[in-house]
Protein backbone atom coordinates (compact mmCIF):
# COMPACT_ATOMS: atom_id res chain seq x y z
CA UNK A 1 10.74 -6.63 32.56
CA UNK A 2 13.92 -6.70 30.53
CA UNK A 3 14.08 -3.71 28.18
CA UNK A 4 16.63 -3.28 25.44
CA UNK A 5 17.22 -1.07 22.48
CA UNK A 6 17.99 -2.92 19.27
CA UNK A 7 20.51 -0.95 17.20
CA UNK A 8 21.58 -2.96 14.16
CA UNK A 9 24.97 -2.49 12.53
CA UNK A 10 23.61 -2.08 9.04
CA UNK A 11 23.22 0.70 6.52
CA UNK A 12 19.63 1.82 6.38
CA UNK A 13 17.69 1.24 3.20
CA UNK A 14 16.35 4.58 2.00
CA UNK A 15 12.62 4.09 1.83
CA UNK A 16 10.56 6.64 -0.02
CA UNK A 17 6.88 6.11 0.45
CA UNK A 18 4.52 6.38 -2.49
CA UNK A 19 1.06 7.41 -1.37
CA UNK A 20 -1.79 4.99 -1.92
CA UNK A 21 -3.47 5.35 -5.28
CA UNK A 22 -6.80 5.58 -3.41
CA UNK A 23 -5.81 7.50 -0.26
CA UNK A 24 -7.93 7.55 2.87
CA UNK A 25 -7.94 11.33 3.06
CA UNK A 26 -8.38 13.18 -0.21
CA UNK A 27 -9.32 16.67 -1.21
CA UNK A 28 -12.92 17.52 -2.09
CA UNK A 29 -12.35 17.61 -5.85
CA UNK A 30 -10.55 14.27 -5.90
CA UNK A 31 -13.21 12.72 -3.65
CA UNK A 32 -15.91 14.04 -5.99
CA UNK A 33 -14.22 12.41 -9.00
CA UNK A 34 -13.79 9.10 -7.18
CA UNK A 35 -17.45 9.13 -6.21
CA UNK A 36 -18.41 9.78 -9.84
CA UNK A 37 -16.41 6.73 -10.96
CA UNK A 38 -17.83 4.61 -8.16
CA UNK A 39 -21.43 5.55 -8.94
CA UNK A 40 -20.95 4.77 -12.62
CA UNK A 41 -19.45 1.36 -11.88
CA UNK A 42 -22.07 0.51 -9.24
CA UNK A 43 -24.86 0.90 -11.79
CA UNK A 44 -23.79 -2.28 -13.58
CA UNK A 45 -23.82 -5.77 -12.05
CA UNK A 46 -20.47 -6.92 -13.44
CA UNK A 47 -18.56 -3.72 -12.69
CA UNK A 48 -20.08 -3.66 -9.20
CA UNK A 49 -18.79 -7.18 -8.61
CA UNK A 50 -15.44 -6.12 -10.02
CA UNK A 51 -15.21 -3.29 -7.49
CA UNK A 52 -16.03 -5.67 -4.65
CA UNK A 53 -13.36 -8.15 -5.79
CA UNK A 54 -10.84 -5.31 -6.05
CA UNK A 55 -11.60 -4.24 -2.48
CA UNK A 56 -10.91 -7.83 -1.37
CA UNK A 57 -7.57 -7.89 -3.18
CA UNK A 58 -8.85 -10.52 -5.63
CA UNK A 59 -7.37 -8.95 -8.75
CA UNK A 60 -7.99 -11.84 -11.16
CA UNK A 61 -11.68 -11.90 -10.32
CA UNK A 62 -11.86 -8.10 -10.57
CA UNK A 63 -10.29 -8.20 -14.04
CA UNK A 64 -12.75 -10.90 -15.14
CA UNK A 65 -15.82 -8.99 -13.97
CA UNK A 66 -14.63 -5.65 -15.35
CA UNK A 67 -13.84 -7.22 -18.72
CA UNK A 68 -17.44 -8.49 -18.94
CA UNK A 69 -18.67 -5.03 -17.96
CA UNK A 70 -16.56 -3.43 -20.73
CA UNK A 71 -18.10 -5.82 -23.28
CA UNK A 72 -21.53 -4.51 -22.26
CA UNK A 73 -20.57 -0.82 -21.74
CA UNK A 74 -17.42 -0.05 -23.79
CA UNK A 75 -17.91 3.72 -23.41
CA UNK A 76 -17.86 3.78 -19.59
CA UNK A 77 -14.53 5.19 -18.24
CA UNK A 78 -15.23 3.80 -14.74
CA UNK A 79 -14.85 0.15 -15.70
CA UNK A 80 -11.55 0.84 -17.47
CA UNK A 81 -10.39 2.67 -14.33
CA UNK A 82 -11.24 -0.23 -12.03
CA UNK A 83 -9.79 -2.84 -14.36
CA UNK A 84 -6.66 -0.69 -14.59
CA UNK A 85 -6.37 -0.74 -10.81
CA UNK A 86 -6.71 -4.53 -10.82
CA UNK A 87 -3.99 -4.85 -13.48
CA UNK A 88 -1.83 -2.54 -11.40
CA UNK A 89 -2.42 -4.73 -8.34
CA UNK A 90 -1.09 -7.68 -10.34
CA UNK A 91 1.88 -5.54 -11.46
CA UNK A 92 0.72 -5.64 -15.09
CA UNK A 93 1.59 -2.00 -15.54
CA UNK A 94 1.42 -1.80 -19.34
CA UNK A 95 -2.14 -3.14 -19.31
CA UNK A 96 -3.00 -0.76 -16.45
CA UNK A 97 -1.62 2.21 -18.41
CA UNK A 98 -3.63 1.15 -21.47
CA UNK A 99 -6.86 1.04 -19.44
CA UNK A 100 -6.22 4.38 -17.72
CA UNK A 101 -5.43 5.94 -21.10
CA UNK A 102 -8.71 4.64 -22.56
CA UNK A 103 -10.59 6.04 -19.56
CA UNK A 104 -8.89 9.43 -20.06
CA UNK A 105 -9.94 9.43 -23.72
CA UNK A 106 -13.54 8.91 -22.58
CA UNK A 107 -13.38 11.55 -19.82
CA UNK A 108 -10.23 13.75 -19.71
CA UNK A 109 -11.29 15.75 -16.65
CA UNK A 110 -11.09 13.15 -13.87
CA UNK A 111 -8.02 13.56 -11.64
CA UNK A 112 -7.89 9.91 -10.36
CA UNK A 113 -7.30 8.66 -13.91
CA UNK A 114 -4.10 10.68 -14.31
CA UNK A 115 -3.04 9.95 -10.72
CA UNK A 116 -3.26 6.20 -11.18
CA UNK A 117 -1.63 6.21 -14.61
CA UNK A 118 1.22 8.21 -13.07
CA UNK A 119 1.64 5.50 -10.43
CA UNK A 120 1.99 2.81 -13.08
CA UNK A 121 4.54 4.92 -14.97
CA UNK A 122 6.45 5.37 -11.70
CA UNK A 123 6.61 1.64 -11.01
CA UNK A 124 7.90 1.09 -14.57
CA UNK A 125 10.68 3.60 -13.90
CA UNK A 126 9.25 6.09 -16.43
CA UNK A 127 9.58 9.07 -14.10
CA UNK A 128 9.18 11.86 -16.65
CA UNK A 129 5.81 10.44 -17.73
CA UNK A 130 4.84 10.05 -14.07
CA UNK A 131 5.72 13.71 -13.42
CA UNK A 132 3.57 14.79 -16.37
CA UNK A 133 0.55 12.85 -15.11
CA UNK A 134 0.98 13.96 -11.48
CA UNK A 135 1.20 17.54 -12.78
CA UNK A 136 -2.07 17.06 -14.66
CA UNK A 137 -3.62 15.63 -11.47
CA UNK A 138 -2.53 18.76 -9.60
CA UNK A 139 -3.86 20.99 -12.39
CA UNK A 140 -7.28 19.35 -11.97
CA UNK A 141 -7.06 19.32 -8.16
CA UNK A 142 -4.48 21.85 -6.82
CA UNK A 143 -5.04 20.83 -3.16
CA UNK A 144 -4.50 17.08 -3.56
CA UNK A 145 -1.62 16.43 -1.11
CA UNK A 146 -0.80 12.89 -2.30
CA UNK A 147 -0.15 14.06 -5.85
CA UNK A 148 2.53 16.46 -4.59
CA UNK A 149 4.07 13.67 -2.49
CA UNK A 150 4.11 11.25 -5.41
CA UNK A 151 5.47 13.80 -7.87
CA UNK A 152 8.18 14.50 -5.31
CA UNK A 153 9.11 10.79 -5.50
CA UNK A 154 9.60 11.05 -9.22
CA UNK A 155 11.75 14.17 -8.88
CA UNK A 156 13.83 12.36 -6.23
CA UNK A 157 14.41 9.44 -8.60
CA UNK A 158 15.78 11.91 -11.14
CA UNK A 159 17.94 13.47 -8.38
CA UNK A 160 16.07 16.77 -8.67
CA UNK A 161 16.19 17.14 -4.90
CA UNK A 162 15.10 20.78 -4.56
CA UNK A 163 11.99 20.13 -6.63
CA UNK A 164 11.29 17.00 -4.57
CA UNK A 165 11.56 18.97 -1.31
CA UNK A 166 9.26 21.68 -2.69
CA UNK A 167 6.62 19.06 -3.56
CA UNK A 168 6.84 17.26 -0.21
CA UNK A 169 6.54 20.65 1.51
CA UNK A 170 3.45 21.47 -0.55
CA UNK A 171 1.89 18.14 0.37
CA UNK A 172 2.48 18.89 4.06
CA UNK A 173 0.96 22.35 3.59
CA UNK A 174 -2.32 20.78 2.45
CA UNK A 175 -2.14 17.90 4.97
CA UNK A 176 -0.12 18.84 8.11
CA UNK A 177 -0.34 15.25 9.43
CA UNK A 178 1.00 13.68 6.23
CA UNK A 179 3.53 11.28 7.82
CA UNK A 180 4.80 9.89 4.51
CA UNK A 181 5.60 13.37 3.22
CA UNK A 182 7.61 14.21 6.36
CA UNK A 183 9.57 10.94 6.03
CA UNK A 184 10.18 11.47 2.32
CA UNK A 185 11.33 15.04 2.77
CA UNK A 186 13.60 13.88 5.60
CA UNK A 187 15.16 11.24 3.32
CA UNK A 188 15.93 13.84 0.65
CA UNK A 189 17.39 16.21 3.25
CA UNK A 190 19.57 13.29 4.35
CA UNK A 191 20.78 12.78 0.78
CA UNK A 192 21.67 16.48 0.60
CA UNK A 193 23.61 16.25 3.89
CA UNK A 194 21.16 18.56 5.70
CA UNK A 195 20.99 16.40 8.80
CA UNK A 196 19.25 18.83 11.15
CA UNK A 197 16.35 19.28 8.73
CA UNK A 198 16.17 15.50 8.22
CA UNK A 199 16.10 14.83 11.97
CA UNK A 200 13.37 17.45 12.39
CA UNK A 201 11.20 15.79 9.74
CA UNK A 202 11.64 12.26 11.11
CA UNK A 203 10.89 13.56 14.62
CA UNK A 204 7.70 15.22 13.40
CA UNK A 205 6.63 11.99 11.69
CA UNK A 206 7.15 10.16 14.99
CA UNK A 207 5.25 12.82 16.92
CA UNK A 208 2.27 12.17 14.65
CA UNK A 209 2.74 8.38 14.67
CA UNK A 210 5.12 7.18 17.44
CA UNK A 211 4.99 3.57 16.17
CA UNK A 212 6.30 4.33 12.67
CA UNK A 213 9.33 2.06 12.34
CA UNK A 214 10.58 3.64 9.11
CA UNK A 215 10.76 7.09 10.70
CA UNK A 216 12.46 5.63 13.79
CA UNK A 217 15.16 3.87 11.83
CA UNK A 218 15.81 6.78 9.49
CA UNK A 219 16.19 9.12 12.44
CA UNK A 220 18.58 6.77 14.22
CA UNK A 221 20.71 6.56 11.08
CA UNK A 222 20.81 10.33 10.53
CA UNK A 223 21.71 10.94 14.17
CA UNK A 224 24.65 8.57 13.72
CA UNK A 225 25.66 10.27 10.48
CA UNK A 226 25.56 13.63 12.17
CA UNK A 227 27.57 12.33 15.11
CA UNK A 228 30.24 10.85 12.86
CA UNK A 229 30.53 13.75 10.42
CA UNK A 230 33.46 16.07 10.99
CA UNK A 231 34.23 14.42 14.37
CA UNK A 232 31.26 16.30 15.80
CA UNK A 233 29.41 14.85 18.73
CA UNK A 234 25.65 14.53 18.76
CA UNK A 235 23.93 17.77 19.72
CA UNK A 236 27.02 19.98 19.14
CA UNK A 237 27.14 22.90 16.79
CA UNK A 238 30.33 23.71 14.88
CA UNK A 239 31.20 26.45 17.37
CA UNK A 240 30.94 24.22 20.41
CA UNK A 241 33.91 22.51 22.00
CA UNK A 242 34.15 18.87 23.00
CA UNK A 243 32.83 19.40 26.49
CA UNK A 244 30.08 17.47 28.17
CA UNK A 245 29.43 13.87 29.17
CA UNK A 246 28.88 12.63 25.61
CA UNK A 247 31.82 14.37 23.90
CA UNK A 248 33.50 12.12 21.31
CA UNK A 249 31.00 9.27 21.69
CA UNK A 250 29.15 7.56 18.90
CA UNK A 251 25.39 7.26 18.81
CA UNK A 252 25.56 3.51 19.53
CA UNK A 253 27.69 4.17 22.62
CA UNK A 254 25.29 6.80 23.93
CA UNK A 255 22.24 4.57 23.42
CA UNK A 256 24.05 1.61 25.00
CA UNK A 257 25.05 3.76 28.00
CA UNK A 258 21.50 5.00 28.46
CA UNK A 259 20.17 1.44 28.48
CA UNK A 260 22.91 0.36 30.92
CA UNK A 261 22.23 3.31 33.16
CA UNK A 262 18.54 2.41 33.22
CA UNK A 263 19.31 -1.12 34.35
CA UNK A 264 21.76 0.12 36.98
CA UNK A 265 19.38 2.66 38.45
CA UNK A 266 16.46 0.24 38.54
CA UNK A 267 18.53 -2.21 40.60
CA UNK A 268 19.92 0.39 43.02
CA UNK A 269 16.68 2.31 43.49
CA UNK A 270 18.52 5.65 43.18
CA UNK A 271 16.51 7.13 40.35
CA UNK A 272 15.45 10.69 41.07
CA UNK A 273 12.03 11.89 40.00
CA UNK A 274 13.08 15.51 39.94
CA UNK A 275 14.67 15.21 36.51
CA UNK A 276 11.93 13.22 34.80
CA UNK A 277 10.67 14.41 31.43
CA UNK A 278 6.95 14.97 31.32
CA UNK A 279 4.79 13.79 28.43
CA UNK A 280 5.81 14.06 24.80
CA UNK A 281 7.15 11.42 22.48
CA UNK A 282 9.29 8.87 24.34
CA UNK A 283 11.71 8.66 21.41
CA UNK A 284 12.22 12.42 21.51
CA UNK A 285 12.90 12.09 25.25
CA UNK A 286 15.33 9.22 24.73
CA UNK A 287 17.30 11.07 22.08
CA UNK A 288 17.34 14.35 23.97
CA UNK A 289 18.54 12.62 27.13
CA UNK A 290 21.21 10.63 25.32
CA UNK A 291 22.41 13.56 23.23
CA UNK A 292 22.46 16.21 25.94
CA UNK A 293 23.57 14.09 28.88
CA UNK A 294 20.89 15.52 31.15
CA UNK A 295 20.93 12.41 33.30
CA UNK A 296 24.65 11.72 33.43
CA UNK A 297 24.39 10.98 37.16
CA UNK A 298 22.61 7.75 36.25
CA UNK A 299 25.59 6.18 34.53
CA UNK A 300 27.54 3.73 36.71
CA UNK A 301 30.55 3.36 34.38
CA UNK A 302 31.95 4.82 31.16
CA UNK A 303 31.55 2.74 28.02
CA UNK A 304 34.71 2.40 25.93
CA UNK A 305 34.68 3.42 22.29
CA UNK A 306 35.39 -0.12 21.16
CA UNK A 307 32.24 -1.65 22.70
CA UNK A 308 29.42 -2.77 20.41
CA UNK A 309 25.76 -3.56 21.20
CA UNK A 310 25.58 -7.17 22.32
CA UNK A 311 24.00 -9.93 20.25
CA UNK A 312 21.59 -10.51 23.12
CA UNK A 313 19.28 -8.00 21.46
CA UNK A 314 18.20 -10.63 18.95
CA UNK A 315 17.72 -13.21 21.72
CA UNK A 316 15.54 -10.70 23.54
CA UNK A 317 13.24 -10.17 20.57
CA UNK A 318 13.01 -13.92 19.86
CA UNK A 319 12.05 -14.52 23.52
CA UNK A 320 9.59 -11.65 23.43
CA UNK A 321 7.89 -12.95 20.28
CA UNK A 322 7.59 -16.39 21.86
CA UNK A 323 6.13 -15.10 25.14
CA UNK A 324 3.82 -12.30 24.01
CA UNK A 325 0.15 -13.24 23.77
CA UNK A 326 -1.52 -12.54 20.43
CA UNK A 327 -4.43 -10.14 20.81
CA UNK A 328 -7.34 -11.72 18.93
CA UNK A 329 -8.53 -8.21 18.09
CA UNK A 330 -5.56 -8.05 15.68
CA UNK A 331 -6.65 -11.22 13.84
CA UNK A 332 -8.88 -11.22 10.75
CA UNK A 333 -12.51 -12.15 11.24
CA UNK A 334 -12.96 -15.92 11.51
CA UNK A 335 -9.58 -16.67 13.14
CA UNK A 336 -9.11 -17.47 16.83
CA UNK A 337 -7.26 -19.49 19.51
CA UNK A 338 -3.67 -18.49 18.64
CA UNK A 339 -1.09 -21.05 19.81
CA UNK A 340 2.52 -19.81 19.91
CA UNK A 341 5.47 -22.18 19.58
CA UNK A 342 9.12 -22.21 18.60
CA UNK A 343 9.90 -24.31 15.52
CA UNK A 344 13.14 -26.17 14.94
CA UNK A 345 15.39 -24.60 12.32
CA UNK A 346 16.98 -26.62 9.56
CA UNK A 347 20.75 -26.59 9.02
CA UNK A 348 20.24 -24.39 5.93
CA UNK A 349 18.20 -21.90 7.94
CA UNK A 350 20.86 -21.66 10.64
CA UNK A 351 23.57 -21.24 7.99
CA UNK A 352 21.53 -18.44 6.38
CA UNK A 353 21.69 -16.40 9.59
CA UNK A 354 18.26 -17.27 10.98
CA UNK A 355 18.17 -16.92 14.77
CA UNK A 356 14.71 -18.19 15.58
CA UNK A 357 11.45 -19.29 13.96
CA UNK A 358 8.24 -18.61 15.83
CA UNK A 359 4.85 -19.95 14.72
CA UNK A 360 1.35 -18.82 15.68
CA UNK A 361 -1.09 -21.60 14.75
CA UNK A 362 -4.72 -20.49 14.43
CA UNK A 363 -8.15 -21.97 14.21
CA UNK A 364 -9.72 -20.61 11.06
CA UNK A 365 -11.60 -21.26 7.85
CA UNK A 366 -8.99 -23.58 6.31
CA UNK A 367 -7.19 -26.78 7.24
CA UNK A 368 -4.01 -24.83 8.01
CA UNK A 369 -3.81 -21.21 9.16
CA UNK A 370 -0.69 -19.68 10.68
CA UNK A 371 1.50 -16.62 11.17
CA UNK A 372 5.27 -17.10 11.13
CA UNK A 373 8.12 -14.91 12.39
CA UNK A 374 11.70 -15.58 11.27
CA UNK A 375 14.33 -13.43 12.98
CA UNK A 376 17.77 -13.06 11.33
CA UNK A 377 21.13 -11.77 12.52
CA UNK A 378 20.96 -8.70 10.26
CA UNK A 379 18.76 -7.02 7.68
CA UNK A 380 20.76 -8.32 4.70
CA UNK A 381 20.31 -11.91 5.92
CA UNK A 382 16.57 -11.30 6.32
CA UNK A 383 16.31 -10.03 2.73
CA UNK A 384 18.19 -13.09 1.48
CA UNK A 385 15.98 -15.31 3.64
CA UNK A 386 12.84 -13.86 2.07
CA UNK A 387 14.13 -14.41 -1.46
CA UNK A 388 15.18 -18.00 -0.71
CA UNK A 389 12.10 -18.94 1.35
CA UNK A 390 11.14 -21.63 -1.17
CA UNK A 391 14.48 -23.36 -0.59
CA UNK A 392 14.29 -23.07 3.20
CA UNK A 393 10.95 -24.86 3.71
CA UNK A 394 11.80 -28.59 3.91
CA UNK A 395 10.28 -31.06 1.46
CA UNK A 396 8.14 -28.67 -0.58
CA UNK A 397 7.19 -28.53 -4.23
CA UNK A 398 6.62 -24.99 -5.41
CA UNK A 399 3.42 -24.56 -7.44
CA UNK A 400 3.70 -20.82 -8.12
CA UNK A 401 6.20 -18.30 -6.75
CA UNK A 402 4.98 -15.33 -8.84
CA UNK A 403 1.92 -14.47 -6.76
CA UNK A 404 1.33 -11.16 -4.99
CA UNK A 405 -0.96 -9.84 -2.29
CA UNK A 406 -1.64 -6.15 -2.60
CA UNK A 407 0.93 -4.09 -4.48
CA UNK A 408 4.21 -5.41 -3.11
CA UNK A 409 3.77 -8.45 -0.83
CA UNK A 410 5.22 -11.55 -2.54
CA UNK A 411 3.34 -14.83 -2.12
CA UNK A 412 4.25 -18.44 -2.92
CA UNK A 413 2.03 -21.51 -3.41
CA UNK A 414 3.46 -24.95 -2.66
CA UNK A 415 2.64 -28.50 -1.66
CA UNK A 416 4.48 -30.77 0.74
CA UNK A 417 4.58 -34.55 1.01
CA UNK A 418 1.28 -36.35 0.60
CA UNK A 419 -0.79 -33.70 2.34
CA UNK A 420 -4.09 -33.10 0.51
CA UNK A 421 -3.73 -29.30 0.59
CA UNK A 422 -1.89 -26.55 -1.24
CA UNK A 423 -0.30 -23.91 0.98
CA UNK A 424 0.06 -20.22 0.20
CA UNK A 425 2.58 -18.08 2.10
CA UNK A 426 2.65 -14.29 1.81
CA UNK A 427 5.76 -12.78 3.40
CA UNK A 428 7.89 -9.66 3.58
CA UNK A 429 10.77 -8.17 5.58
CA UNK A 430 9.93 -5.74 8.37
CA UNK A 431 11.21 -2.28 7.44
CA UNK A 432 12.91 -1.66 10.80
CA UNK A 433 14.21 -5.01 12.03
CA UNK A 434 15.80 -8.14 10.56
CA UNK A 435 12.52 -10.02 10.68
CA UNK A 436 10.56 -11.87 8.00
CA UNK A 437 6.83 -11.98 8.74
CA UNK A 438 4.59 -14.39 6.85
CA UNK A 439 0.96 -15.46 6.76
CA UNK A 440 0.12 -19.02 5.71
CA UNK A 441 -3.23 -20.28 4.45
CA UNK A 442 -4.29 -23.45 2.65
CA UNK A 443 -6.76 -24.87 0.14
CA UNK A 444 -7.65 -28.35 -1.11
CA UNK A 445 -5.28 -29.55 -3.82
CA UNK A 446 -6.47 -28.62 -7.29
CA UNK A 447 -3.56 -29.51 -9.51
CA UNK A 448 -1.42 -26.40 -9.96
CA UNK A 449 -4.28 -23.93 -9.67
CA UNK A 450 -4.33 -21.43 -6.82
CA UNK A 451 -7.62 -20.02 -5.55
CA UNK A 452 -7.33 -16.25 -5.35
CA UNK A 453 -9.25 -16.26 -2.07
CA UNK A 454 -6.42 -18.30 -0.52
CA UNK A 455 -3.94 -15.57 -1.47
CA UNK A 456 -6.22 -12.98 0.12
CA UNK A 457 -6.45 -14.97 3.36
CA UNK A 458 -2.69 -15.52 3.52
CA UNK A 459 -2.21 -11.79 2.94
CA UNK A 460 -4.60 -10.93 5.75
CA UNK A 461 -2.71 -13.24 8.11
CA UNK A 462 0.50 -11.50 7.07
CA UNK A 463 -1.10 -8.17 7.98
CA UNK A 464 -2.17 -9.63 11.33
CA UNK A 465 1.45 -10.64 11.94
CA UNK A 466 2.56 -7.08 11.19
CA UNK A 467 0.01 -5.74 13.69
CA UNK A 468 1.20 -8.16 16.38
CA UNK A 469 4.84 -7.26 15.81
CA UNK A 470 3.98 -3.57 15.77
CA UNK A 471 2.26 -3.85 19.15
CA UNK A 472 5.31 -5.65 20.58
CA UNK A 473 7.64 -2.91 19.35
CA UNK A 474 5.39 -0.13 20.63
CA UNK A 475 4.95 -1.72 24.06
CA UNK A 476 8.71 -2.16 24.47
CA UNK A 477 9.38 1.43 23.39
CA UNK A 478 6.82 2.59 25.96
CA UNK A 479 8.48 0.47 28.64
CA UNK A 480 11.93 1.83 27.78
CA UNK A 481 10.57 5.34 28.22
CA UNK A 482 9.11 4.43 31.61
CA UNK A 483 12.36 2.80 32.74
CA UNK A 484 14.47 5.81 31.72
CA UNK A 485 12.17 8.58 32.83
CA UNK A 486 9.89 6.98 35.39
CA UNK A 487 6.10 7.05 35.27
CA UNK A 488 4.36 10.07 33.80
CA UNK A 489 3.12 12.09 36.75
CA UNK A 490 0.41 13.84 34.75
CA UNK A 491 -3.08 12.65 35.60
């Protein structure tokens, strides 16, 4: 199997991760308050339906049901809370804030109300108000890790980096496996130029979740920054000289050499098992090997400073996407028989920097169900491709390009030719690679109206595409580790 490392020549986008407004793991007090709200809403038919619609991502339906519930029970804080979450899902933050505020007036001692209102303030860029509400959340529930993480975001936006680090650290104290908090603290350490601390945090995030692409890319970038700062080589302290196999080399050169050495040793059969690393995170092993030169005997030739990673990386991932079978376990219920094919690109798509377009057609509940992968030459081209998707699809008439699935996945409804269906595409750029992933669903034409269920289904197919791509990345990382270090001898 051909194994390559894809190192893009782009500046990393600093991604700070806001914790979910309804996190999977919460403290006992927060969980108690959520259960109180849920029980109150479940007692009424309309609010119960509103909760169900919210869970399905059908925000319009949730708003409709909750509004009816409020007409019947205007003194119930739970229905304002759930309608506020639905407004927030549709990015109607002022309406969400209004509903959360009304709920707080009715019951000022429920932490989730302040937590969610803080999130809406954050998304509006009102960071001081967000800090005040996250602080109130913490006052009501001092062990709620996500509130510390989210308040740390707001401090970071105001460039109060020490306060941000203190909050991320507190979140980790209450949840030692809080991957987002490690990544966020690492990003702030990076901004402060404290590269060792940043690398440590990204490495810990990867130890907890080896497939986290954001942590991987941030760590790669910080390792390069550290290597390039002050003419220091990777792994050297200020007191060390420029000795060793990797002295004076950039991170890209070291990674490229490691990959070349792997290929060389596989073909010659000279790999020694005596130096193999045992267990652990394969990315930690890769970086340690590259940085410390512990396997310098593997290298068949020295790479010059002027060499760059070859464009074949993109060809490799396009080929891999085309050839990798889709695991039906990653598909939403009701979808099956994935058929993978390469689609022809238009002249505009080629000019935009698109390198390949892969489609996964599916049998499913609608006339048309598909997952699409569009690989671009760099991350900037992928971002432009996402924003201009409506112009890139030939012969379409856009019905609505202001739709959203979840909190941040943009969706677009359109028709094409004389086909009797309206299509909905939900798409986003992968955080680690120059790849646009999209899910496509369809509904019978109904003028310019879009059925909310169609948006939900397109969003679920998008998520299935993310899972498929994630499994491809993880499997290739695993294979790289095996090629460099040999099989794990532990039984």
